[in-house]
Amino acid sequence: MSTAVVAAVTLPLLMSPVVSAAGREDDDESSRATRLYVPPPDRESYRQVARLAWRGDFRDSAGLLAMVRTPQAIWYGDETPEQVERLVRRTTLSAAWQGKLPVLTLYNVPGRDCGSYSSGGANGIAAYEAWIDAVADGIGDRQALIVLEPDSLALLPSDCAAAADPDPAGQTDQTDQTGQTDPAAQTDQNDQADQNDQTGQADQTGQADQADQTGQAAADEPPAAGEQPAELPPLPDAHASTAPPTASAAPGTAQEAAQPANPQPTGPQPTDPPSTGPQAPGQQSTSPQTPAPDPSASQSPAPEPSAAQPSTLPELPPLPKPDPVTPDPDGATGTSDPTDVTDTPEVEDPETAARYSEINYAVDVLTALGHTAVYLDAGHAGWHSVSSIVPRLIKAGIDRATGFALNVSHYQTDQDSAWYGRLISSCLAYADEGGDPEDCADQRWSKRHARRWLRAHVPGDSSRMKHFVTDTSRNGRGPWIPRLGAHVDAEPWCNPPERGLGRRPTTHTGDPLLDAALWVKTPGESDGRCLRGTDGPLDPERGTVNPEAGEWFPEQALELVRYAEPAVGVIRRTTGPRH
């Protein structure tokens, strides 16, 4: 269908009262405080709107139109410096003329997404720096909010080796793959007893403390880094053969990366680890990610008893000491991304050192403009622990940036993201005063214990702490929970079924640390082919061939509208006296 025909069919729909009301979905009190820019919609989205209207499906057509006319980020990546300068200038000029704030997502860091669905990026440091300079020239002295390089820090080059080999065995742990906690552990009964011990300082964000919905472990104390496993290895059978056991392959430790997973204690879900971003032609999360290696996998077998002394029990081997950055399986809240590299020990290889150099350069250039707010990548609540992501943020120049971004292209709930963001901000403040991030409260701690730590270590003035933004474009129903054992690699960050739009974009959040809830990921755009461990080309969950990353996905777009929470309202009530 040509653009002219689409316009002719769509024009009456655009002029109808129902859709005109839908288009004003964001025109509420919070939007008037800081009005966010609405970029031109994808042409394919308008074609779908027209097709739905043509066959008489006006409700879905109006809902879809409301979605694409809601403020959302504009993604830039893979353009030449000349192209990106021109495009950014056009966007910022248009936004300035309308008196609105544009949200720009920069997605061009070299080696992005570990070569997965959203692979690509600049060809080296020099090319990236030239590209960032061009973006800065395009912005000039105009206002812009920048989400800088989703997955660039949560998915470092040093994490890519793990991302290349997803762990099929990890699929057996449903909670680790979906970021959902055991229902029996969802409520921390100690929180009620601790309510009388709350102070204003402890509840800086307010929002995160209404209920214990973050899926945190219910223990009163944090998992100790050097804590010994509770169970001793089984004693050998005295009648067993003394021959050494047959070697078996250890479970994989890789994560697919960048979307993404999510756990949310709530992925990143990248996605492809979370395929966080749209993909420019020729080349596509911030769910929305593989489990850490099982300590028992490397444990030496217990020595066999001596043949000469069958009645004498052998001396037990020393218990393995868990890696301090590996999450405690009993205290972890899981992840929404089977390719999650949660707390993978970081190796400072040349590519990783270059990544930090690239992000630092971007921070310095973009913040120097004077009217830009720059937020660095911090993954999502179901990916890295607080003590893992904070050192990465520090190395990347968070001290000079406005703050950090959470849940880009992922599905973590607002409550999980708010709590995770508060813990990261608190840990950054603690580290800024000389504290060790390893000692920070973690999202896997019980709420009661974490609040106790916050009261003891967090400054009372939120202005002294780093702020953050969250992506709510697809988190209305939270992360997807794949059926146990349904897929070799569930890829729950990749076009999960029956997800919905989340909170509408706003800068009026009610949380002193949360600067804005944004639609960073473009709702309706595909995360990638989503083969889920198969040879393809079909997505075994949907039974169809998904569009390439960044392309319009009509089926998913309709799901986002139909399952939106809060629901997409297409008829606005007129203001008048209440009776």
Protein backbone atom coordinates (compact mmCIF):
# COMPACT_ATOMS: atom_id res chain seq x y z
CA MET A 1 0.00 0.00 0.00
CA SER A 2 1.53 3.30 -1.03
CA THR A 3 2.03 6.17 1.40
CA ALA A 4 -0.57 8.26 -0.44
CA VAL A 5 -3.22 5.54 -0.14
CA VAL A 6 -2.37 5.03 3.53
CA ALA A 7 -2.73 8.74 4.17
CA ALA A 8 -6.08 8.85 2.37
CA VAL A 9 -7.42 5.93 4.39
CA THR A 10 -5.98 7.13 7.69
CA LEU A 11 -6.95 10.82 7.46
CA PRO A 12 -10.62 10.34 8.46
CA LEU A 13 -9.48 8.20 11.39
CA LEU A 14 -7.03 10.85 12.54
CA MET A 15 -9.80 13.45 12.49
CA SER A 16 -12.27 11.35 14.46
CA PRO A 17 -13.02 12.36 18.07
CA VAL A 18 -12.01 8.96 19.36
CA VAL A 19 -8.51 8.98 17.92
CA SER A 20 -7.95 12.66 18.54
CA ALA A 21 -8.59 11.90 22.19
CA ALA A 22 -6.23 8.95 22.01
CA GLY A 23 -3.52 11.16 20.60
CA ARG A 24 -3.75 13.39 23.69
CA GLU A 25 -3.06 10.44 25.95
CA ASP A 26 0.10 12.12 27.29
CA ASP A 27 -1.48 15.54 27.76
CA ASP A 28 -1.88 15.35 31.51
CA GLU A 29 -0.61 17.41 34.42
CA SER A 30 2.78 15.69 34.50
CA SER A 31 3.37 16.25 30.77
CA ARG A 32 2.67 19.97 31.14
CA ALA A 33 5.44 20.19 33.77
CA THR A 34 8.06 18.92 31.31
CA ARG A 35 6.53 18.08 27.97
CA LEU A 36 8.25 15.25 26.14
CA TYR A 37 8.75 15.14 22.39
CA VAL A 38 6.76 12.79 20.13
CA PRO A 39 8.86 11.68 17.14
CA PRO A 40 7.31 10.92 13.74
CA PRO A 41 5.87 7.38 13.87
CA ASP A 42 7.17 4.47 11.86
CA ARG A 43 5.45 4.35 8.48
CA GLU A 44 4.61 0.69 9.05
CA SER A 45 2.72 1.65 12.21
CA TYR A 46 0.42 3.97 10.25
CA ARG A 47 -0.08 1.29 7.63
CA GLN A 48 -1.23 -1.06 10.38
CA VAL A 49 -3.53 1.64 11.81
CA ALA A 50 -5.07 2.07 8.35
CA ARG A 51 -5.53 -1.67 7.80
CA LEU A 52 -7.28 -2.08 11.15
CA ALA A 53 -9.58 0.86 10.46
CA TRP A 54 -10.32 -0.38 6.93
CA ARG A 55 -11.71 -3.64 8.25
CA GLY A 56 -13.69 -1.90 10.99
CA ASP A 57 -11.46 -2.68 14.00
CA PHE A 58 -11.62 0.89 15.29
CA ARG A 59 -10.77 0.15 18.93
CA ASP A 60 -7.44 -1.55 18.12
CA SER A 61 -6.76 1.04 15.44
CA ALA A 62 -7.31 3.91 17.87
CA GLY A 63 -5.28 2.21 20.61
CA LEU A 64 -2.38 1.59 18.25
CA LEU A 65 -2.49 5.19 17.08
CA ALA A 66 -2.45 6.39 20.68
CA MET A 67 0.64 4.25 21.29
CA VAL A 68 2.66 5.63 18.37
CA ARG A 69 1.63 9.21 19.23
CA THR A 70 2.95 8.89 22.78
CA PRO A 71 6.33 10.51 23.61
CA GLN A 72 9.18 8.06 23.09
CA ALA A 73 12.89 8.01 22.42
CA ILE A 74 14.55 8.38 19.04
CA TRP A 75 17.39 5.90 18.46
CA TYR A 76 20.58 6.76 16.61
CA GLY A 77 23.25 4.26 15.59
CA ASP A 78 25.13 3.17 12.47
CA GLU A 79 24.69 6.52 10.72
CA THR A 80 27.77 8.30 9.47
CA PRO A 81 28.86 11.37 11.46
CA GLU A 82 27.43 13.62 8.76
CA GLN A 83 24.10 11.78 8.77
CA VAL A 84 23.69 11.67 12.53
CA GLU A 85 24.56 15.36 12.91
CA ARG A 86 21.87 16.29 10.40
CA LEU A 87 19.23 13.99 11.94
CA VAL A 88 19.93 15.07 15.52
CA ARG A 89 19.82 18.73 14.55
CA ARG A 90 16.47 18.22 12.83
CA THR A 91 15.01 16.45 15.90
CA THR A 92 16.26 18.94 18.47
CA LEU A 93 15.16 21.90 16.38
CA SER A 94 11.68 20.40 15.98
CA ALA A 95 11.44 19.69 19.71
CA ALA A 96 12.66 23.18 20.62
CA TRP A 97 10.12 24.76 18.28
CA GLN A 98 7.35 22.78 20.04
CA GLY A 99 8.74 23.58 23.48
CA LYS A 100 9.30 19.89 24.27
CA LEU A 101 12.19 17.78 25.54
CA PRO A 102 13.51 15.14 23.10
CA VAL A 103 14.82 11.80 24.39
CA LEU A 104 17.76 10.53 22.32
CA THR A 105 19.11 7.00 22.63
CA LEU A 106 22.68 6.69 21.35
CA TYR A 107 23.48 3.12 20.30
CA ASN A 108 26.70 2.98 18.32
CA VAL A 109 29.43 1.81 20.68
CA PRO A 110 31.94 -0.56 19.02
CA GLY A 111 31.19 -4.25 19.54
CA ARG A 112 27.69 -3.65 20.89
CA ASP A 113 25.42 -6.54 21.83
CA CYS A 114 28.27 -9.06 21.63
CA GLY A 115 27.59 -9.56 17.94
CA SER A 116 24.04 -10.80 18.54
CA TYR A 117 20.73 -9.57 17.08
CA SER A 118 21.62 -5.90 17.53
CA SER A 119 25.27 -6.20 16.55
CA GLY A 120 27.08 -3.34 14.92
CA GLY A 121 28.52 -0.07 16.12
CA ALA A 122 31.37 2.21 15.17
CA ASN A 123 34.60 0.79 13.80
CA GLY A 124 36.93 1.57 16.68
CA ILE A 125 37.52 4.33 19.21
CA ALA A 126 38.44 7.06 16.72
CA ALA A 127 35.30 6.43 14.65
CA TYR A 128 33.13 6.43 17.77
CA GLU A 129 34.58 9.67 19.08
CA ALA A 130 33.97 11.33 15.71
CA TRP A 131 30.38 10.08 15.80
CA ILE A 132 29.83 11.46 19.33
CA ASP A 133 31.31 14.80 18.25
CA ALA A 134 28.78 14.89 15.41
CA VAL A 135 25.90 14.15 17.81
CA ALA A 136 27.07 17.00 20.03
CA ASP A 137 27.24 19.36 17.05
CA GLY A 138 23.69 18.36 16.11
CA ILE A 139 22.38 19.13 19.61
CA GLY A 140 24.21 22.43 19.99
CA ASP A 141 22.78 24.61 22.74
CA ARG A 142 19.34 22.96 22.67
CA GLN A 143 17.91 20.71 25.36
CA ALA A 144 18.07 16.92 25.17
CA LEU A 145 17.81 13.92 27.47
CA ILE A 146 20.30 11.25 26.40
CA VAL A 147 20.20 7.54 27.22
CA LEU A 148 23.79 6.63 26.45
CA GLU A 149 24.56 3.24 24.91
CA PRO A 150 22.13 0.67 26.39
CA ASP A 151 23.93 -2.55 27.42
CA SER A 152 27.33 -0.94 27.05
CA LEU A 153 28.18 -1.38 30.76
CA ALA A 154 25.91 -4.24 31.78
CA LEU A 155 27.31 -6.18 28.81
CA LEU A 156 31.01 -5.39 28.57
CA PRO A 157 33.26 -7.01 25.97
CA SER A 158 34.65 -9.13 28.80
CA ASP A 159 31.15 -10.57 29.22
CA CYS A 160 30.84 -11.60 25.59
CA ALA A 161 32.66 -14.90 25.95
CA ALA A 162 30.00 -16.04 28.38
CA ALA A 163 27.27 -14.65 26.15
CA ALA A 164 28.40 -16.78 23.23
CA ASP A 165 27.45 -20.09 24.87
CA PRO A 166 24.02 -20.11 26.53
CA ASP A 167 23.59 -22.72 29.22
CA PRO A 168 20.81 -25.17 28.36
CA ALA A 169 21.03 -26.64 31.83
CA GLY A 170 20.15 -23.26 33.25
CA GLN A 171 16.68 -23.56 31.76
CA THR A 172 15.73 -26.01 34.46
CA ASP A 173 15.70 -23.22 37.01
CA GLN A 174 12.52 -21.39 36.13
CA THR A 175 13.06 -18.60 38.63
CA ASP A 176 16.54 -17.83 37.34
CA GLN A 177 15.30 -17.57 33.79
CA THR A 178 12.24 -15.45 34.34
CA GLY A 179 13.20 -13.17 37.16
CA GLN A 180 10.19 -14.31 39.16
CA THR A 181 10.56 -15.38 42.73
CA ASP A 182 8.87 -18.22 44.51
CA PRO A 183 5.38 -16.96 45.47
CA ALA A 184 6.05 -18.10 48.98
CA ALA A 185 8.98 -15.73 49.19
CA GLN A 186 7.34 -12.70 47.65
CA THR A 187 6.26 -11.20 50.96
CA ASP A 188 8.84 -10.33 53.53
CA GLN A 189 7.02 -10.70 56.83
CA ASN A 190 9.83 -8.94 58.62
CA ASP A 191 8.96 -5.71 56.80
CA GLN A 192 5.76 -5.25 58.80
CA ALA A 193 7.59 -5.52 62.09
CA ASP A 194 10.11 -3.00 60.88
CA GLN A 195 7.62 -0.34 59.77
CA ASN A 196 7.71 1.43 63.11
CA ASP A 197 11.45 1.72 62.75
CA GLN A 198 11.30 3.66 59.49
CA THR A 199 12.62 7.19 59.18
CA GLY A 200 12.23 9.82 56.53
CA GLN A 201 15.79 9.17 55.52
CA ALA A 202 15.11 5.51 54.84
CA ASP A 203 12.15 6.20 52.56
CA GLN A 204 13.72 8.67 50.13
CA THR A 205 11.90 7.27 47.14
CA GLY A 206 8.62 6.47 48.85
CA GLN A 207 7.46 4.45 45.90
CA ALA A 208 9.68 1.47 46.40
CA ASP A 209 8.65 0.87 49.99
CA GLN A 210 4.88 0.47 49.58
CA ALA A 211 5.14 -3.26 49.29
CA ASP A 212 7.83 -5.88 49.06
CA GLN A 213 7.24 -6.70 45.41
CA THR A 214 10.80 -6.83 44.24
CA GLY A 215 11.24 -10.56 44.69
CA GLN A 216 13.99 -10.09 47.24
CA ALA A 217 15.16 -12.96 49.40
CA ALA A 218 13.37 -13.13 52.74
CA ALA A 219 16.46 -13.59 54.83
CA ASP A 220 17.22 -10.97 57.50
CA GLU A 221 20.92 -10.89 56.68
CA PRO A 222 22.70 -10.47 53.33
CA PRO A 223 24.46 -13.44 51.78
CA ALA A 224 28.05 -13.46 52.98
CA ALA A 225 30.64 -13.43 50.25
CA GLY A 226 32.59 -16.24 51.85
CA GLU A 227 29.68 -18.21 53.23
CA GLN A 228 30.17 -21.97 53.06
CA PRO A 229 27.60 -24.20 51.38
CA ALA A 230 25.12 -25.66 53.85
CA GLU A 231 25.51 -29.25 52.68
CA LEU A 232 28.66 -31.36 52.74
CA PRO A 233 29.48 -33.44 49.67
CA PRO A 234 28.08 -36.99 49.88
CA LEU A 235 30.31 -39.62 51.41
CA PRO A 236 31.63 -42.17 48.92
CA ASP A 237 30.21 -45.66 48.76
CA ALA A 238 32.65 -48.05 50.39
CA HIS A 239 31.79 -50.68 47.79
CA ALA A 240 32.05 -48.35 44.84
CA SER A 241 34.72 -48.74 42.21
CA THR A 242 37.95 -46.91 42.89
CA ALA A 243 38.21 -45.89 39.25
CA PRO A 244 37.99 -42.16 38.63
CA PRO A 245 34.56 -40.94 37.58
CA THR A 246 33.90 -40.31 33.90
CA ALA A 247 34.38 -36.69 32.99
CA SER A 248 31.23 -34.79 32.09
CA ALA A 249 30.75 -31.44 30.48
CA ALA A 250 30.26 -28.58 32.88
CA PRO A 251 27.18 -26.48 32.40
CA GLY A 252 27.65 -23.47 30.16
CA THR A 253 28.20 -20.11 31.74
CA ALA A 254 27.50 -17.83 28.83
CA GLN A 255 24.95 -15.16 28.48
CA GLU A 256 23.46 -13.96 25.31
CA ALA A 257 23.42 -10.53 26.43
CA ALA A 258 22.25 -7.20 25.87
CA GLN A 259 17.87 -7.59 26.48
CA PRO A 260 17.23 -8.02 29.23
CA ALA A 261 16.72 -10.43 31.60
CA ASN A 262 15.27 -9.80 33.56
CA PRO A 263 14.40 -10.32 36.81
CA GLN A 264 13.96 -8.31 37.53
CA PRO A 265 15.49 -9.22 40.59
CA THR A 266 13.47 -8.44 37.94
CA GLY A 267 16.50 -9.78 31.67
CA PRO A 268 17.13 -7.76 30.92
CA GLN A 269 16.74 -8.23 30.14
CA PRO A 270 20.58 -7.72 26.42
CA THR A 271 19.09 -8.40 25.18
CA ASP A 272 21.09 -11.32 22.06
CA PRO A 273 21.12 -10.54 25.29
CA PRO A 274 18.57 -8.16 25.32
CA SER A 275 18.45 -6.82 21.88
CA THR A 276 17.92 -3.48 23.41
CA GLY A 277 17.66 -1.24 20.53
CA PRO A 278 16.22 -0.72 17.17
CA GLN A 279 18.47 -1.63 14.35
CA ALA A 280 19.29 0.66 11.53
CA PRO A 281 18.83 -0.74 8.03
CA GLY A 282 21.48 -3.24 7.34
CA GLN A 283 22.27 -4.11 10.76
CA GLN A 284 18.41 -3.99 17.04
CA SER A 285 17.74 -3.79 24.88
CA THR A 286 17.42 -2.15 27.79
CA SER A 287 15.10 -6.64 29.56
CA PRO A 288 15.72 -7.54 28.29
CA GLN A 289 21.53 -12.65 29.70
CA THR A 290 23.32 -16.70 31.17
CA PRO A 291 23.45 -17.84 34.74
CA ALA A 292 26.69 -17.79 36.62
CA PRO A 293 28.53 -21.09 36.76
CA ASP A 294 27.47 -23.54 39.40
CA PRO A 295 30.19 -23.69 42.05
CA SER A 296 29.59 -27.41 42.31
CA ALA A 297 30.54 -27.89 38.68
CA SER A 298 34.21 -27.43 39.43
CA GLN A 299 34.22 -29.25 42.75
CA SER A 300 36.60 -32.18 42.89
CA PRO A 301 35.00 -35.57 43.63
CA ALA A 302 35.50 -36.94 47.11
CA PRO A 303 38.44 -39.37 47.29
CA GLU A 304 37.57 -43.05 47.27
CA PRO A 305 38.24 -45.08 50.43
CA SER A 306 41.42 -47.08 50.55
CA ALA A 307 41.04 -50.68 49.48
CA ALA A 308 43.15 -51.76 52.42
CA GLN A 309 40.94 -49.97 54.93
CA PRO A 310 37.34 -50.24 53.63
CA SER A 311 35.88 -49.42 57.02
CA THR A 312 37.71 -46.14 57.37
CA LEU A 313 35.94 -43.06 56.06
CA PRO A 314 38.17 -40.83 53.93
CA GLU A 315 38.90 -37.26 54.84
CA LEU A 316 36.41 -34.93 53.20
CA PRO A 317 37.82 -32.46 50.65
CA PRO A 318 37.79 -28.78 51.58
CA LEU A 319 34.55 -27.02 50.78
CA PRO A 320 34.79 -24.67 47.79
CA LYS A 321 34.70 -20.96 48.54
CA PRO A 322 32.09 -19.22 46.37
CA ASP A 323 33.28 -16.48 44.11
CA PRO A 324 32.33 -13.22 45.87
CA VAL A 325 30.69 -11.81 42.76
CA THR A 326 28.60 -14.91 42.07
CA PRO A 327 25.04 -14.56 43.43
CA ASP A 328 23.92 -16.91 46.17
CA PRO A 329 21.41 -19.30 44.54
CA ASP A 330 19.28 -19.20 47.67
CA GLY A 331 19.21 -15.43 47.85
CA ALA A 332 19.02 -14.51 44.21
CA THR A 333 15.76 -13.28 42.80
CA GLY A 334 16.37 -14.59 39.33
CA THR A 335 16.60 -12.97 35.97
CA SER A 336 14.35 -12.46 33.07
CA ASP A 337 17.04 -13.26 30.58
CA PRO A 338 18.48 -16.72 30.16
CA THR A 339 21.58 -15.15 28.72
CA ASP A 340 22.07 -13.08 31.83
CA VAL A 341 25.68 -12.68 32.88
CA THR A 342 24.79 -11.66 36.39
CA ASP A 343 27.91 -10.81 38.31
CA THR A 344 30.28 -12.41 35.83
CA PRO A 345 33.77 -11.57 37.10
CA GLU A 346 35.10 -8.73 35.01
CA VAL A 347 38.33 -9.16 33.11
CA GLU A 348 40.05 -5.94 32.11
CA ASP A 349 40.92 -6.94 28.55
CA PRO A 350 41.85 -4.32 25.91
CA GLU A 351 38.33 -4.26 24.45
CA THR A 352 36.80 -3.64 27.88
CA ALA A 353 39.33 -0.89 28.62
CA ALA A 354 38.42 0.67 25.28
CA ARG A 355 34.72 0.49 26.15
CA TYR A 356 35.29 2.52 29.32
CA SER A 357 37.35 5.03 27.36
CA GLU A 358 34.56 5.41 24.79
CA ILE A 359 31.82 5.96 27.37
CA ASN A 360 33.95 8.43 29.33
CA TYR A 361 34.60 10.40 26.16
CA ALA A 362 30.89 10.53 25.36
CA VAL A 363 30.06 11.68 28.89
CA ASP A 364 32.59 14.52 28.73
CA VAL A 365 31.55 15.75 25.29
CA LEU A 366 27.78 15.57 25.83
CA THR A 367 27.66 17.00 29.35
CA ALA A 368 29.83 19.92 28.21
CA LEU A 369 26.94 21.11 26.03
CA GLY A 370 25.25 22.57 29.08
CA HIS A 371 21.63 21.68 28.28
CA THR A 372 21.85 17.90 28.09
CA ALA A 373 21.08 15.28 30.73
CA VAL A 374 23.15 12.11 30.23
CA TYR A 375 22.19 8.75 31.74
CA LEU A 376 24.54 5.74 31.62
CA ASP A 377 23.54 2.12 31.19
CA ALA A 378 22.94 0.18 34.42
CA GLY A 379 21.10 -2.86 33.07
CA HIS A 380 18.08 -3.90 35.08
CA ALA A 381 17.15 -5.34 38.44
CA GLY A 382 17.40 -8.96 37.35
CA TRP A 383 20.83 -8.74 35.80
CA HIS A 384 23.75 -7.48 37.88
CA SER A 385 23.91 -7.11 41.62
CA VAL A 386 24.41 -3.63 43.03
CA SER A 387 28.02 -4.38 43.94
CA SER A 388 28.67 -5.56 40.39
CA ILE A 389 27.17 -2.67 38.38
CA VAL A 390 28.32 0.19 40.62
CA PRO A 391 32.07 -0.24 39.93
CA ARG A 392 31.28 -0.27 36.21
CA LEU A 393 29.34 2.96 36.48
CA ILE A 394 32.19 4.55 38.42
CA LYS A 395 34.77 3.55 35.79
CA ALA A 396 32.51 4.90 33.05
CA GLY A 397 32.33 8.40 34.54
CA ILE A 398 29.04 8.39 36.45
CA ASP A 399 30.42 11.17 38.64
CA ARG A 400 30.22 13.54 35.65
CA ALA A 401 26.95 12.20 34.20
CA THR A 402 23.43 13.12 35.28
CA GLY A 403 22.64 9.58 36.37
CA PHE A 404 21.87 6.12 35.02
CA ALA A 405 19.14 4.36 33.03
CA LEU A 406 17.37 1.14 34.02
CA ASN A 407 15.29 -1.51 32.29
CA VAL A 408 15.94 -0.32 28.73
CA SER A 409 14.12 -2.72 26.37
CA HIS A 410 13.25 -4.94 29.32
CA TYR A 411 10.19 -5.86 31.33
CA GLN A 412 10.99 -5.34 35.00
CA THR A 413 8.19 -3.88 37.08
CA ASP A 414 8.23 -0.26 38.20
CA GLN A 415 8.57 -1.35 41.83
CA ASP A 416 11.62 -3.51 41.12
CA SER A 417 13.29 -0.80 39.07
CA ALA A 418 12.63 1.89 41.67
CA TRP A 419 14.10 -0.25 44.46
CA TYR A 420 17.11 -1.28 42.38
CA GLY A 421 17.72 2.31 41.33
CA ARG A 422 17.56 3.51 44.91
CA LEU A 423 20.11 0.88 45.99
CA ILE A 424 22.49 1.76 43.14
CA SER A 425 22.22 5.48 43.88
CA SER A 426 22.84 4.82 47.57
CA CYS A 427 25.85 2.65 46.83
CA LEU A 428 27.31 5.30 44.52
CA ALA A 429 26.99 7.87 47.30
CA TYR A 430 28.57 5.43 49.75
CA ALA A 431 31.47 4.73 47.38
CA ASP A 432 31.93 8.46 46.78
CA GLU A 433 32.60 8.81 50.51
CA GLY A 434 35.26 6.09 50.38
CA GLY A 435 33.08 3.04 51.00
CA ASP A 436 33.58 -0.30 49.29
CA PRO A 437 30.76 -1.19 46.83
CA GLU A 438 31.09 -4.81 47.94
CA ASP A 439 29.59 -3.73 51.27
CA CYS A 440 26.51 -2.10 49.73
CA ALA A 441 22.97 -3.30 50.24
CA ASP A 442 21.92 -5.58 47.41
CA GLN A 443 18.57 -6.14 45.69
CA ARG A 444 18.71 -9.74 46.89
CA TRP A 445 18.81 -8.76 50.54
CA SER A 446 15.62 -8.71 52.55
CA LYS A 447 13.93 -5.34 52.50
CA ARG A 448 14.28 -5.04 56.27
CA HIS A 449 18.03 -5.55 56.24
CA ALA A 450 18.52 -3.31 53.19
CA ARG A 451 16.58 -0.47 54.80
CA ARG A 452 18.70 -0.80 57.90
CA TRP A 453 21.82 -0.40 55.75
CA LEU A 454 20.31 2.60 53.96
CA ARG A 455 19.55 4.36 57.23
CA ALA A 456 23.14 3.91 58.32
CA HIS A 457 24.91 4.88 55.10
CA VAL A 458 22.73 7.02 52.82
CA PRO A 459 22.81 10.84 52.86
CA GLY A 460 19.56 12.48 53.85
CA ASP A 461 19.63 14.89 50.91
CA SER A 462 18.65 13.19 47.64
CA SER A 463 20.28 16.03 45.69
CA ARG A 464 23.64 14.59 46.75
CA MET A 465 22.78 11.29 45.07
CA LYS A 466 22.73 10.22 41.41
CA HIS A 467 19.28 10.12 39.84
CA PHE A 468 17.97 7.65 37.28
CA VAL A 469 15.36 7.08 34.57
CA THR A 470 13.47 3.88 33.74
CA ASP A 471 12.04 2.38 30.56
CA THR A 472 8.33 1.59 30.96
CA SER A 473 7.51 1.01 27.29
CA ARG A 474 6.78 -2.73 27.68
CA ASN A 475 6.66 -3.56 31.38
CA GLY A 476 2.94 -3.25 32.05
CA ARG A 477 2.62 -6.95 32.87
CA GLY A 478 6.14 -7.49 34.10
CA PRO A 479 8.53 -10.10 32.69
CA TRP A 480 7.40 -13.14 30.75
CA ILE A 481 7.60 -16.51 32.54
CA PRO A 482 8.42 -19.22 29.99
CA ARG A 483 6.99 -22.68 30.52
CA LEU A 484 9.49 -24.83 32.35
CA GLY A 485 11.54 -26.81 29.86
CA ALA A 486 9.58 -25.47 26.88
CA HIS A 487 12.68 -24.18 25.08
CA VAL A 488 16.37 -24.96 24.99
CA ASP A 489 17.03 -21.24 25.43
CA ALA A 490 13.83 -19.37 26.31
CA GLU A 491 15.22 -15.91 25.49
CA PRO A 492 12.51 -14.26 27.64
CA TRP A 493 13.79 -10.82 26.67
CA CYS A 494 13.15 -11.47 22.98
CA ASN A 495 9.63 -10.57 21.75
CA PRO A 496 7.95 -12.28 24.71
CA PRO A 497 4.24 -12.94 24.13
CA GLU A 498 1.35 -11.10 25.76
CA ARG A 499 3.35 -8.21 27.22
CA GLY A 500 1.77 -4.77 27.55
CA LEU A 501 2.60 -1.10 27.55
CA GLY A 502 3.55 0.26 30.95
CA ARG A 503 3.37 3.60 32.67
CA ARG A 504 2.99 6.55 30.33
CA PRO A 505 6.08 8.72 29.93
CA THR A 506 6.34 11.46 32.52
CA THR A 507 8.88 13.53 34.43
CA HIS A 508 6.54 13.84 37.41
CA THR A 509 7.29 10.54 39.14
CA GLY A 510 6.75 11.28 42.82
CA ASP A 511 10.17 9.77 43.54
CA PRO A 512 12.99 12.24 44.32
CA LEU A 513 15.58 9.96 42.69
CA LEU A 514 13.55 8.96 39.63
CA ASP A 515 13.82 11.77 37.10
CA ALA A 516 11.50 10.25 34.51
CA ALA A 517 9.58 7.20 33.38
CA LEU A 518 10.24 7.01 29.64
CA TRP A 519 9.40 4.90 26.65
CA VAL A 520 12.99 4.27 25.60
CA LYS A 521 12.48 1.13 23.55
CA THR A 522 10.18 1.90 20.62
CA PRO A 523 7.04 -0.13 21.36
CA GLY A 524 6.09 -2.23 18.36
CA GLU A 525 9.62 -2.81 17.10
CA SER A 526 10.99 -6.35 17.09
CA ASP A 527 13.84 -7.54 19.31
CA GLY A 528 15.05 -9.96 16.64
CA ARG A 529 14.32 -13.38 15.17
CA CYS A 530 14.10 -15.10 18.60
CA LEU A 531 15.05 -18.69 17.74
CA ARG A 532 15.07 -19.79 21.42
CA GLY A 533 17.82 -22.36 20.94
CA THR A 534 16.46 -23.82 17.69
CA ASP A 535 17.80 -23.68 14.16
CA GLY A 536 14.86 -21.50 13.10
CA PRO A 537 13.62 -19.73 11.16
CA LEU A 538 10.40 -19.92 13.22
CA ASP A 539 10.07 -18.55 16.71
CA PRO A 540 8.92 -21.74 18.47
CA GLU A 541 6.89 -19.72 20.97
CA ARG A 542 4.91 -17.81 18.35
CA GLY A 543 5.09 -20.20 15.42
CA THR A 544 6.07 -17.37 13.07
CA VAL A 545 9.22 -15.81 11.68
CA ASN A 546 9.81 -12.68 13.73
CA PRO A 547 10.99 -9.51 11.98
CA GLU A 548 14.64 -8.54 12.24
CA ALA A 549 15.68 -6.40 15.20
CA GLY A 550 14.35 -2.87 14.87
CA GLU A 551 11.69 -3.69 12.28
CA TRP A 552 7.98 -3.13 12.94
CA PHE A 553 6.26 -6.22 14.45
CA PRO A 554 2.47 -5.88 13.96
CA GLU A 555 1.55 -8.84 16.15
CA GLN A 556 3.58 -7.60 19.10
CA ALA A 557 2.38 -4.03 18.61
CA LEU A 558 -1.23 -5.12 19.02
CA GLU A 559 -0.36 -7.20 22.08
CA LEU A 560 1.26 -4.18 23.72
CA VAL A 561 -1.96 -2.19 23.25
CA ARG A 562 -4.35 -4.96 24.29
CA TYR A 563 -2.41 -5.94 27.40
CA ALA A 564 -1.38 -2.43 28.44
CA GLU A 565 -1.38 -1.69 32.18
CA PRO A 566 -2.65 0.92 32.69
CA ALA A 567 -5.01 0.39 29.80
CA VAL A 568 -4.80 2.62 26.74
CA GLY A 569 -7.73 5.00 26.96
CA VAL A 570 -9.12 6.03 23.60
CA ILE A 571 -11.99 8.20 24.83
CA ARG A 572 -11.24 11.09 27.16
CA ARG A 573 -13.99 12.30 29.46
CA THR A 574 -14.71 15.99 29.28
CA THR A 575 -13.84 18.04 32.32
CA GLY A 576 -16.86 19.14 34.32
CA PRO A 577 -18.41 19.26 37.76
CA ARG A 578 -18.84 15.94 39.52
CA HIS A 579 -22.27 14.94 40.76
